[in-house]
Amino acid sequence: MSLLGILVDSGKRFAAIADMNVGDMNQAMPVGTTVALLERGTKVMSAIHKRLHYAQRIEFQLLSKLFGEYLPPEYAYETGTGPREVKQTDFDDRIDVIPVSDPNIFSQSQRITLAQELLQMVQSNPQVHGPNGIYEAYRRMYGALGVDNVEALLQPPPDMTPRPIDAGLENSGFLMGQPAQAFEGQNHTAHVETHRALFLTQVVKENPQIQAMVISHVMQHLQFLASEMAQQQIPPETMERINQVQQQLQQMPVDQQQQAAQQIQMLLDQFAAPIMAQLSAEFLQSIGQGSEDPLVEIRKAEVELRDKELDQEQSQFESKQNQRAEEKVLENEIQRQRINVQKNVADDKLDVALQRLQQQADLKLLELEQKMRG
């Protein structure tokens, strides 16, 4: 028995097989660690499964080649749902028959482990995976578990794709602060009239946010309407050439398809642009947001600009005059102070001179008195 155990252990080490105790694994283990342990424990089985997958691919290729050479042009057969037929051209060189299974996954436990790790990653940050992330992760988890009729158990998230709605419902959404989207094929004229009536109500006039949403939505309708009118005004020969190019787009390379589609769109925009400008001007004028004559608006803007320039010049002139007046007052004050200083200095000099004269006079009198006594 000990020899048998030694042989088994040696075989395990030689094949690099490690026992994988999935039940003992930490549920908070990082995804990379879980996948690494899973790959390490299934290294040999994974290699065998990949080679079986490769061998099955070669077998399918041989069968496809055999069928392509020896099948009749059409081969009929019966199935549970009715008669079917297969053609010899189904197995020519244009078709490559390969297995659709994943050679890296060979067991249900492996599928469940990967699906569980995927579910944990999606639950950790659902905002990154979009509105369908949680639903898709649970659907894959139930699929890995082999649960039947998953649709009855798991409800898909609601479809948030915008769809065309009536103009009245769009107006109701505007009042609740919900924007709307225009679609091709709608009655754009009727929608514009309905939204114009809403715009002229007192409630909307007092709410700039709703006004912006209404105008933005109406511009979408006007763009579709301008495109429809432009297609009607395009010359027949030009429209015929556009249709021919559109029919040949599928046969062109991808880069040439994009270039051709852009050129066609630019050509249509050239016809639609003036119509869009006219429709927009008429709509804005009807709701009191436009002008009667663009030249008048330009002239008003020029007059306003000239008035602003004159006001600025007047303000600069008054500022300079005030500055000059302040400078003049300051200069007069400095001159007055200078005169006062000079006057004080002169008075001081005069006082000193008078005192000196008085002293000299006193000395003279003193000398005379001494001579008279002597």
Protein backbone atom coordinates (compact mmCIF):
# COMPACT_ATOMS: atom_id res chain seq x y z
CA MET A 1 0.00 0.00 0.00
CA SER A 2 2.83 2.39 0.77
CA LEU A 3 4.33 1.67 -2.66
CA LEU A 4 0.98 2.44 -4.29
CA GLY A 5 0.76 5.73 -2.40
CA ILE A 6 4.27 6.67 -3.47
CA LEU A 7 3.41 5.91 -7.10
CA VAL A 8 0.22 8.01 -6.93
CA ASP A 9 2.03 10.98 -5.37
CA SER A 10 4.80 10.76 -7.95
CA GLY A 11 2.24 10.65 -10.74
CA LYS A 12 0.52 13.74 -9.36
CA ARG A 13 3.77 15.67 -9.13
CA PHE A 14 4.76 14.59 -12.62
CA ALA A 15 1.43 15.71 -14.08
CA ALA A 16 1.48 18.95 -12.01
CA ILE A 17 -1.99 18.24 -10.65
CA ALA A 18 -2.98 19.99 -7.40
CA ASP A 19 -6.08 19.12 -5.44
CA MET A 20 -8.60 21.94 -5.80
CA ASN A 21 -10.90 22.20 -2.79
CA VAL A 22 -13.44 24.62 -4.18
CA GLY A 23 -15.63 24.34 -1.10
CA ASP A 24 -12.79 25.45 1.19
CA MET A 25 -11.97 28.53 -0.85
CA ASN A 26 -12.49 31.99 0.66
CA GLN A 27 -15.53 33.72 -0.85
CA ALA A 28 -13.79 37.10 -0.58
CA MET A 29 -10.77 35.83 -2.52
CA PRO A 30 -9.79 38.05 -5.49
CA VAL A 31 -10.95 36.98 -8.92
CA GLY A 32 -7.43 36.58 -10.25
CA THR A 33 -6.48 34.23 -7.40
CA THR A 34 -9.59 32.11 -7.94
CA VAL A 35 -8.97 31.78 -11.65
CA ALA A 36 -5.28 30.99 -11.05
CA LEU A 37 -6.16 28.16 -8.62
CA LEU A 38 -8.77 26.87 -11.04
CA GLU A 39 -6.29 26.79 -13.92
CA ARG A 40 -3.61 25.17 -11.76
CA GLY A 41 -5.90 22.39 -10.62
CA THR A 42 -7.17 21.64 -14.12
CA LYS A 43 -3.97 22.05 -16.06
CA VAL A 44 -3.76 18.51 -17.41
CA MET A 45 -7.48 18.16 -18.14
CA SER A 46 -7.44 21.51 -19.91
CA ALA A 47 -4.55 20.37 -22.13
CA ILE A 48 -6.37 17.13 -22.97
CA HIS A 49 -9.60 18.98 -23.72
CA LYS A 50 -7.84 21.43 -26.04
CA ARG A 51 -6.31 18.59 -28.02
CA LEU A 52 -9.68 16.86 -28.27
CA HIS A 53 -11.14 20.12 -29.49
CA TYR A 54 -8.38 20.41 -32.12
CA ALA A 55 -8.93 16.79 -33.21
CA GLN A 56 -12.65 17.40 -33.55
CA ARG A 57 -11.98 20.42 -35.73
CA ILE A 58 -9.81 18.31 -38.05
CA GLU A 59 -12.55 15.67 -38.16
CA PHE A 60 -15.17 18.28 -39.08
CA GLN A 61 -12.91 19.58 -41.85
CA LEU A 62 -12.48 16.06 -43.25
CA LEU A 63 -16.23 15.46 -43.17
CA SER A 64 -16.87 18.81 -44.83
CA LYS A 65 -14.40 17.98 -47.58
CA LEU A 66 -15.98 14.54 -48.02
CA PHE A 67 -19.49 15.98 -48.26
CA GLY A 68 -18.36 18.66 -50.69
CA GLU A 69 -16.94 16.03 -53.05
CA TYR A 70 -19.51 13.19 -52.91
CA LEU A 71 -22.86 14.72 -51.98
CA PRO A 72 -25.40 15.23 -54.78
CA PRO A 73 -26.25 18.85 -55.67
CA GLU A 74 -29.26 18.59 -53.35
CA TYR A 75 -29.81 15.99 -50.64
CA ALA A 76 -33.27 15.75 -49.04
CA TYR A 77 -33.88 14.35 -45.55
CA GLU A 78 -36.68 14.26 -43.02
CA THR A 79 -36.72 15.77 -39.53
CA GLY A 80 -39.28 15.94 -36.76
CA THR A 81 -40.42 19.38 -37.93
CA GLY A 82 -40.65 18.53 -41.65
CA PRO A 83 -38.57 17.89 -44.75
CA ARG A 84 -35.19 19.59 -45.09
CA GLU A 85 -32.44 19.55 -47.68
CA VAL A 86 -28.73 20.19 -47.78
CA LYS A 87 -26.76 21.29 -50.82
CA GLN A 88 -23.33 20.33 -52.02
CA THR A 89 -22.37 24.03 -52.17
CA ASP A 90 -22.90 24.23 -48.39
CA PHE A 91 -19.55 22.43 -47.97
CA ASP A 92 -17.35 24.25 -50.49
CA ASP A 93 -14.18 26.17 -49.69
CA ARG A 94 -16.10 29.31 -48.70
CA ILE A 95 -17.30 27.69 -45.46
CA ASP A 96 -15.05 26.59 -42.59
CA VAL A 97 -16.67 24.05 -40.23
CA ILE A 98 -15.21 24.29 -36.72
CA PRO A 99 -16.51 23.40 -33.22
CA VAL A 100 -18.43 26.19 -31.48
CA SER A 101 -17.46 25.10 -27.97
CA ASP A 102 -14.81 26.84 -25.87
CA PRO A 103 -11.65 24.70 -25.59
CA ASN A 104 -10.69 26.47 -22.34
CA ILE A 105 -13.82 25.28 -20.45
CA PHE A 106 -14.39 21.54 -20.10
CA SER A 107 -16.56 21.12 -16.98
CA GLN A 108 -19.71 22.58 -15.46
CA SER A 109 -17.95 23.41 -12.20
CA GLN A 110 -15.51 25.57 -14.14
CA ARG A 111 -18.39 27.39 -15.85
CA ILE A 112 -20.15 27.95 -12.51
CA THR A 113 -16.99 29.29 -10.88
CA LEU A 114 -16.32 31.77 -13.69
CA ALA A 115 -19.98 32.85 -13.78
CA GLN A 116 -19.95 33.39 -10.01
CA GLU A 117 -16.82 35.51 -10.17
CA LEU A 118 -18.37 37.52 -13.00
CA LEU A 119 -21.50 38.10 -10.90
CA GLN A 120 -19.43 39.32 -7.95
CA MET A 121 -17.52 41.74 -10.14
CA VAL A 122 -20.71 43.19 -11.61
CA GLN A 123 -22.32 43.52 -8.16
CA SER A 124 -19.24 45.32 -6.80
CA ASN A 125 -19.62 48.17 -9.32
CA PRO A 126 -22.95 48.00 -11.19
CA GLN A 127 -22.67 51.54 -12.59
CA VAL A 128 -19.75 50.58 -14.85
CA HIS A 129 -21.62 47.65 -16.41
CA GLY A 130 -24.62 49.62 -17.59
CA PRO A 131 -28.36 49.08 -17.00
CA ASN A 132 -28.27 45.48 -18.27
CA GLY A 133 -25.14 44.42 -16.37
CA ILE A 134 -26.85 42.83 -13.35
CA TYR A 135 -29.46 41.10 -15.52
CA GLU A 136 -26.86 39.67 -17.91
CA ALA A 137 -24.63 38.46 -15.06
CA TYR A 138 -27.52 36.61 -13.39
CA ARG A 139 -28.64 35.19 -16.73
CA ARG A 140 -25.17 33.75 -17.34
CA MET A 141 -25.06 32.40 -13.80
CA TYR A 142 -28.38 30.58 -14.24
CA GLY A 143 -27.22 29.32 -17.64
CA ALA A 144 -24.05 27.89 -16.10
CA LEU A 145 -26.18 26.15 -13.44
CA GLY A 146 -28.33 24.63 -16.17
CA VAL A 147 -31.60 26.23 -15.01
CA ASP A 148 -34.44 25.80 -17.49
CA ASN A 149 -36.81 28.59 -18.51
CA VAL A 150 -34.68 31.36 -17.08
CA GLU A 151 -36.92 34.02 -18.68
CA ALA A 152 -39.77 33.09 -16.34
CA LEU A 153 -37.53 33.55 -13.29
CA LEU A 154 -35.47 36.56 -14.33
CA GLN A 155 -37.24 39.65 -15.59
CA PRO A 156 -35.20 41.73 -18.06
CA PRO A 157 -34.80 45.47 -17.34
CA PRO A 158 -37.21 47.81 -19.11
CA ASP A 159 -36.21 49.00 -22.54
CA MET A 160 -35.21 52.67 -22.28
CA THR A 161 -34.82 53.17 -26.04
CA PRO A 162 -36.62 56.40 -27.09
CA ARG A 163 -39.70 55.82 -29.27
CA PRO A 164 -41.96 58.20 -31.18
CA ILE A 165 -44.87 59.54 -29.11
CA ASP A 166 -47.70 61.99 -29.73
CA ALA A 167 -47.07 65.72 -29.60
CA GLY A 168 -49.48 66.14 -26.68
CA LEU A 169 -47.54 63.63 -24.59
CA GLU A 170 -44.33 65.44 -25.49
CA ASN A 171 -45.85 68.71 -24.24
CA SER A 172 -46.82 66.99 -21.00
CA GLY A 173 -43.24 65.78 -20.61
CA PHE A 174 -41.89 69.30 -21.23
CA LEU A 175 -44.00 70.68 -18.36
CA MET A 176 -42.52 68.00 -16.09
CA GLY A 177 -38.98 68.82 -17.21
CA GLN A 178 -38.55 65.76 -19.47
CA PRO A 179 -36.91 66.32 -22.89
CA ALA A 180 -38.24 64.63 -26.02
CA GLN A 181 -36.71 63.34 -29.25
CA ALA A 182 -37.96 63.68 -32.80
CA PHE A 183 -37.92 60.77 -35.25
CA GLU A 184 -37.91 60.46 -38.99
CA GLY A 185 -41.31 59.75 -40.54
CA GLN A 186 -43.35 61.74 -37.99
CA ASN A 187 -45.83 64.47 -38.94
CA HIS A 188 -43.32 67.20 -38.24
CA THR A 189 -45.62 70.07 -39.25
CA ALA A 190 -48.28 68.98 -36.76
CA HIS A 191 -45.70 68.53 -34.00
CA VAL A 192 -44.27 72.01 -34.60
CA GLU A 193 -47.73 73.61 -34.42
CA THR A 194 -48.55 71.76 -31.19
CA HIS A 195 -45.27 72.77 -29.57
CA ARG A 196 -45.72 76.38 -30.74
CA ALA A 197 -49.07 76.53 -28.95
CA LEU A 198 -47.42 75.28 -25.77
CA PHE A 199 -44.61 77.80 -26.05
CA LEU A 200 -47.06 80.73 -26.22
CA THR A 201 -48.74 79.78 -22.92
CA GLN A 202 -48.05 81.93 -19.88
CA VAL A 203 -46.58 79.02 -17.92
CA VAL A 204 -43.88 78.41 -20.50
CA LYS A 205 -43.19 82.13 -20.99
CA GLU A 206 -42.22 82.36 -17.33
CA ASN A 207 -39.95 79.28 -17.42
CA PRO A 208 -36.75 79.67 -19.51
CA GLN A 209 -35.79 76.02 -18.96
CA ILE A 210 -38.99 74.72 -20.59
CA GLN A 211 -38.58 77.26 -23.40
CA ALA A 212 -35.11 75.90 -24.17
CA MET A 213 -36.39 72.30 -24.25
CA VAL A 214 -39.30 73.19 -26.56
CA ILE A 215 -37.11 75.16 -28.98
CA SER A 216 -34.47 72.42 -29.03
CA HIS A 217 -37.08 69.75 -29.77
CA VAL A 218 -38.76 71.84 -32.47
CA MET A 219 -35.38 72.31 -34.17
CA GLN A 220 -35.12 68.51 -34.45
CA HIS A 221 -38.51 68.38 -36.21
CA LEU A 222 -37.53 71.25 -38.48
CA GLN A 223 -34.32 69.46 -39.45
CA PHE A 224 -36.23 66.33 -40.48
CA LEU A 225 -38.79 68.48 -42.29
CA ALA A 226 -36.03 70.39 -44.12
CA SER A 227 -34.43 67.09 -45.21
CA GLU A 228 -37.75 65.85 -46.59
CA MET A 229 -38.36 69.10 -48.47
CA ALA A 230 -34.77 69.08 -49.78
CA GLN A 231 -35.21 65.58 -51.25
CA GLN A 232 -38.26 66.82 -53.11
CA GLN A 233 -36.32 69.79 -54.53
CA ILE A 234 -33.27 67.82 -55.66
CA PRO A 235 -33.16 67.47 -59.47
CA PRO A 236 -34.30 64.02 -60.70
CA GLU A 237 -30.96 63.21 -62.35
CA THR A 238 -29.06 64.03 -59.14
CA MET A 239 -31.44 61.94 -57.04
CA GLU A 240 -31.05 59.03 -59.47
CA ARG A 241 -27.27 59.16 -59.12
CA ILE A 242 -27.57 59.23 -55.33
CA ASN A 243 -29.80 56.14 -55.40
CA GLN A 244 -27.33 54.31 -57.64
CA VAL A 245 -24.45 55.08 -55.27
CA GLN A 246 -26.51 53.92 -52.27
CA GLN A 247 -27.26 50.63 -54.01
CA GLN A 248 -23.54 50.08 -54.68
CA LEU A 249 -22.45 50.85 -51.10
CA GLN A 250 -22.73 47.22 -49.99
CA GLN A 251 -20.20 46.14 -52.62
CA MET A 252 -17.57 48.71 -51.62
CA PRO A 253 -14.88 48.35 -48.96
CA VAL A 254 -15.67 49.74 -45.53
CA ASP A 255 -13.53 52.88 -45.86
CA GLN A 256 -15.01 53.68 -49.27
CA GLN A 257 -18.52 53.11 -47.89
CA GLN A 258 -17.93 55.72 -45.19
CA GLN A 259 -16.52 58.23 -47.67
CA ALA A 260 -19.41 57.73 -50.09
CA ALA A 261 -21.99 58.04 -47.30
CA GLN A 262 -20.37 61.27 -46.08
CA GLN A 263 -20.39 62.73 -49.60
CA ILE A 264 -24.06 61.87 -50.05
CA GLN A 265 -24.92 63.43 -46.70
CA MET A 266 -22.96 66.59 -47.56
CA LEU A 267 -24.85 66.86 -50.85
CA LEU A 268 -28.20 66.51 -49.08
CA ASP A 269 -27.15 69.06 -46.46
CA GLN A 270 -26.41 71.61 -49.18
CA PHE A 271 -30.06 71.47 -50.26
CA ALA A 272 -31.45 71.24 -46.72
CA ALA A 273 -29.40 74.08 -45.12
CA PRO A 274 -31.22 77.07 -46.68
CA ILE A 275 -34.59 75.43 -46.05
CA MET A 276 -33.66 74.83 -42.42
CA ALA A 277 -32.59 78.46 -42.04
CA GLN A 278 -35.89 79.71 -43.43
CA LEU A 279 -38.01 77.35 -41.31
CA SER A 280 -36.08 78.26 -38.16
CA ALA A 281 -36.45 82.00 -38.80
CA GLU A 282 -40.20 81.63 -39.39
CA PHE A 283 -40.68 79.58 -36.23
CA LEU A 284 -38.64 81.93 -34.02
CA GLN A 285 -40.51 84.91 -35.43
CA SER A 286 -43.87 83.26 -34.73
CA ILE A 287 -43.01 82.81 -31.03
CA GLY A 288 -41.52 86.28 -30.67
CA GLN A 289 -37.91 85.14 -30.57
CA GLY A 290 -36.85 86.17 -34.09
CA SER A 291 -36.47 89.46 -35.97
CA GLU A 292 -38.37 90.92 -38.91
CA ASP A 293 -35.31 91.89 -40.93
CA PRO A 294 -31.74 90.74 -40.31
CA LEU A 295 -30.38 94.05 -41.67
CA VAL A 296 -32.37 95.97 -39.07
CA GLU A 297 -30.91 93.79 -36.33
CA ILE A 298 -27.42 94.38 -37.67
CA ARG A 299 -28.04 98.14 -37.74
CA LYS A 300 -29.40 98.05 -34.18
CA ALA A 301 -26.35 96.17 -33.04
CA GLU A 302 -24.10 98.75 -34.70
CA VAL A 303 -25.98 101.62 -33.03
CA GLU A 304 -25.79 99.92 -29.64
CA LEU A 305 -22.08 99.36 -30.13
CA ARG A 306 -21.58 103.03 -31.09
CA ASP A 307 -23.55 104.14 -28.02
CA LYS A 308 -21.37 101.97 -25.83
CA GLU A 309 -18.25 103.48 -27.39
CA LEU A 310 -19.57 107.03 -26.82
CA ASP A 311 -20.44 106.21 -23.21
CA GLN A 312 -16.98 104.78 -22.71
CA GLU A 313 -15.35 107.86 -24.25
CA GLN A 314 -17.49 110.17 -22.09
CA SER A 315 -16.58 108.19 -19.01
CA GLN A 316 -12.90 108.40 -19.89
CA PHE A 317 -13.16 112.17 -20.51
CA GLU A 318 -14.89 112.75 -17.17
CA SER A 319 -12.32 110.62 -15.43
CA LYS A 320 -9.50 112.62 -16.98
CA GLN A 321 -11.19 115.93 -16.06
CA ASN A 322 -11.65 114.83 -12.48
CA GLN A 323 -8.05 113.70 -12.35
CA ARG A 324 -6.86 117.06 -13.72
CA ALA A 325 -9.02 118.95 -11.21
CA GLU A 326 -7.62 116.91 -8.35
CA GLU A 327 -4.10 117.52 -9.61
CA LYS A 328 -4.81 121.27 -9.81
CA VAL A 329 -6.18 121.37 -6.25
CA LEU A 330 -3.17 119.42 -5.03
CA GLU A 331 -0.79 121.76 -6.85
CA ASN A 332 -2.50 124.85 -5.34
CA GLU A 333 -2.31 123.30 -1.88
CA ILE A 334 1.39 122.61 -2.32
CA GLN A 335 1.98 126.21 -3.55
CA ARG A 336 0.05 127.62 -0.59
CA GLN A 337 2.02 125.55 1.85
CA ARG A 338 5.25 126.65 0.15
CA ILE A 339 4.27 130.33 0.45
CA ASN A 340 3.41 129.87 4.11
CA VAL A 341 6.74 128.23 4.75
CA GLN A 342 8.60 131.06 2.99
CA LYS A 343 6.61 133.64 4.96
CA ASN A 344 7.42 131.92 8.22
CA VAL A 345 11.10 131.83 7.31
CA ALA A 346 11.06 135.55 6.43
CA ASP A 347 9.28 136.43 9.67
CA ASP A 348 11.84 134.43 11.61
CA LYS A 349 14.69 136.25 9.83
CA LEU A 350 13.09 139.62 10.56
CA ASP A 351 12.65 138.78 14.21
CA VAL A 352 16.30 137.73 14.42
CA ALA A 353 17.41 140.97 12.73
CA LEU A 354 15.27 143.10 15.03
CA GLN A 355 16.63 141.34 18.05
CA ARG A 356 20.17 141.88 16.81
CA LEU A 357 19.52 145.60 16.24
CA GLN A 358 18.00 145.90 19.69
CA GLN A 359 21.03 144.24 21.19
CA GLN A 360 23.36 146.57 19.30
CA ALA A 361 21.32 149.62 20.45
CA ASP A 362 21.44 148.45 24.02
CA LEU A 363 25.23 148.09 23.79
CA LYS A 364 25.58 151.61 22.39
CA LEU A 365 23.50 153.10 25.16
CA LEU A 366 25.50 151.17 27.73
CA GLU A 367 28.77 152.54 26.33
CA LEU A 368 27.39 156.13 26.37
CA GLU A 369 26.30 155.79 29.93
CA GLN A 370 29.74 154.55 30.97
CA LYS A 371 31.45 157.46 29.21
CA MET A 372 29.21 159.99 30.85
CA ARG A 373 30.00 158.64 34.28
CA GLY A 374 33.69 158.59 33.66
